[in-house]
PDB file of N, CA and C in Angstrom:
ATOM      1  N   UNK A   1     -16.825-190.906  50.520  1.00  0.00           N
ATOM      2  CA  UNK A   1     -16.343-192.212  51.009  1.00  0.00           C
ATOM      3  C   UNK A   1     -17.135-192.607  52.254  1.00  0.00           C
ATOM      4  N   UNK A   2     -17.442-193.871  52.402  1.00  0.00           N
ATOM      5  CA  UNK A   2     -18.230-194.348  53.553  1.00  0.00           C
ATOM      6  C   UNK A   2     -17.506-194.117  54.876  1.00  0.00           C
ATOM      7  N   UNK A   3     -18.217-193.538  55.817  1.00  0.00           N
ATOM      8  CA  UNK A   3     -17.589-193.266  57.126  1.00  0.00           C
ATOM      9  C   UNK A   3     -17.254-194.585  57.824  1.00  0.00           C
ATOM     10  N   UNK A   4     -17.992-195.620  57.465  1.00  0.00           N
ATOM     11  CA  UNK A   4     -17.752-196.933  58.085  1.00  0.00           C
ATOM     12  C   UNK A   4     -16.302-197.366  57.871  1.00  0.00           C
ATOM     13  N   UNK A   5     -15.855-197.314  56.629  1.00  0.00           N
ATOM     14  CA  UNK A   5     -14.478-197.728  56.323  1.00  0.00           C
ATOM     15  C   UNK A   5     -13.500-196.792  57.017  1.00  0.00           C
ATOM     16  N   UNK A   6     -13.735-195.498  56.881  1.00  0.00           N
ATOM     17  CA  UNK A   6     -12.835-194.505  57.499  1.00  0.00           C
ATOM     18  C   UNK A   6     -12.778-194.702  59.006  1.00  0.00           C
ATOM     19  N   UNK A   7     -13.955-194.867  59.596  1.00  0.00           N
ATOM     20  CA  UNK A   7     -14.007-195.034  61.057  1.00  0.00           C
ATOM     21  C   UNK A   7     -13.172-196.240  61.467  1.00  0.00           C
ATOM     22  N   UNK A   8     -13.305-197.309  60.702  1.00  0.00           N
ATOM     23  CA  UNK A   8     -12.578-198.537  61.037  1.00  0.00           C
ATOM     24  C   UNK A   8     -11.073-198.287  60.927  1.00  0.00           C
ATOM     25  N   UNK A   9     -10.683-197.601  59.867  1.00  0.00           N
ATOM     26  CA  UNK A   9      -9.261-197.328  59.649  1.00  0.00           C
ATOM     27  C   UNK A   9      -8.716-196.487  60.799  1.00  0.00           C
ATOM     28  N   UNK A  10      -9.450-195.434  61.145  1.00  0.00           N
ATOM     29  CA  UNK A  10      -9.009-194.547  62.230  1.00  0.00           C
ATOM     30  C   UNK A  10      -8.921-195.343  63.528  1.00  0.00           C
ATOM     31  N   UNK A  11      -9.916-196.179  63.755  1.00  0.00           N
ATOM     32  CA  UNK A  11      -9.935-196.984  64.988  1.00  0.00           C
ATOM     33  C   UNK A  11      -8.682-197.856  65.044  1.00  0.00           C
ATOM     34  N   UNK A  12      -8.370-198.497  63.936  1.00  0.00           N
ATOM     35  CA  UNK A  12      -7.192-199.383  63.906  1.00  0.00           C
ATOM     36  C   UNK A  12      -5.929-198.587  64.183  1.00  0.00           C
ATOM     37  N   UNK A  13      -5.798-197.445  63.527  1.00  0.00           N
ATOM     38  CA  UNK A  13      -4.599-196.615  63.706  1.00  0.00           C
ATOM     39  C   UNK A  13      -4.506-196.156  65.155  1.00  0.00           C
ATOM     40  N   UNK A  14      -5.607-195.631  65.673  1.00  0.00           N
ATOM     41  CA  UNK A  14      -5.600-195.136  67.057  1.00  0.00           C
ATOM     42  C   UNK A  14      -5.280-196.274  68.022  1.00  0.00           C
ATOM     43  N   UNK A  15      -5.896-197.434  67.791  1.00  0.00           N
ATOM     44  CA  UNK A  15      -5.662-198.578  68.675  1.00  0.00           C
ATOM     45  C   UNK A  15      -4.182-198.953  68.682  1.00  0.00           C
ATOM     46  N   UNK A  16      -3.595-199.021  67.505  1.00  0.00           N
ATOM     47  CA  UNK A  16      -2.182-199.378  67.403  1.00  0.00           C
ATOM     48  C   UNK A  16      -1.316-198.343  68.106  1.00  0.00           C
ATOM     49  N   UNK A  17      -1.637-197.064  67.910  1.00  0.00           N
ATOM     50  CA  UNK A  17      -0.825-196.011  68.544  1.00  0.00           C
ATOM     51  C   UNK A  17      -0.981-196.082  70.062  1.00  0.00           C
ATOM     52  N   UNK A  18      -2.216-196.300  70.522  1.00  0.00           N
ATOM     53  CA  UNK A  18      -2.447-196.354  71.976  1.00  0.00           C
ATOM     54  C   UNK A  18      -1.712-197.549  72.584  1.00  0.00           C
ATOM     55  N   UNK A  19      -1.759-198.671  71.883  1.00  0.00           N
ATOM     56  CA  UNK A  19      -1.077-199.874  72.393  1.00  0.00           C
ATOM     57  C   UNK A  19       0.410-199.603  72.536  1.00  0.00           C
ATOM     58  N   UNK A  20       0.936-198.785  71.623  1.00  0.00           N
ATOM     59  CA  UNK A  20       2.360-198.473  71.680  1.00  0.00           C
ATOM     60  C   UNK A  20       2.624-197.751  73.005  1.00  0.00           C
TER      61      UNK A  20
END
């Protein structure tokens, strides 16, 4: 699987968790 998609997904998840 492309790391680009995974990286984006992880970034979104981490960003949301950090914002919390």
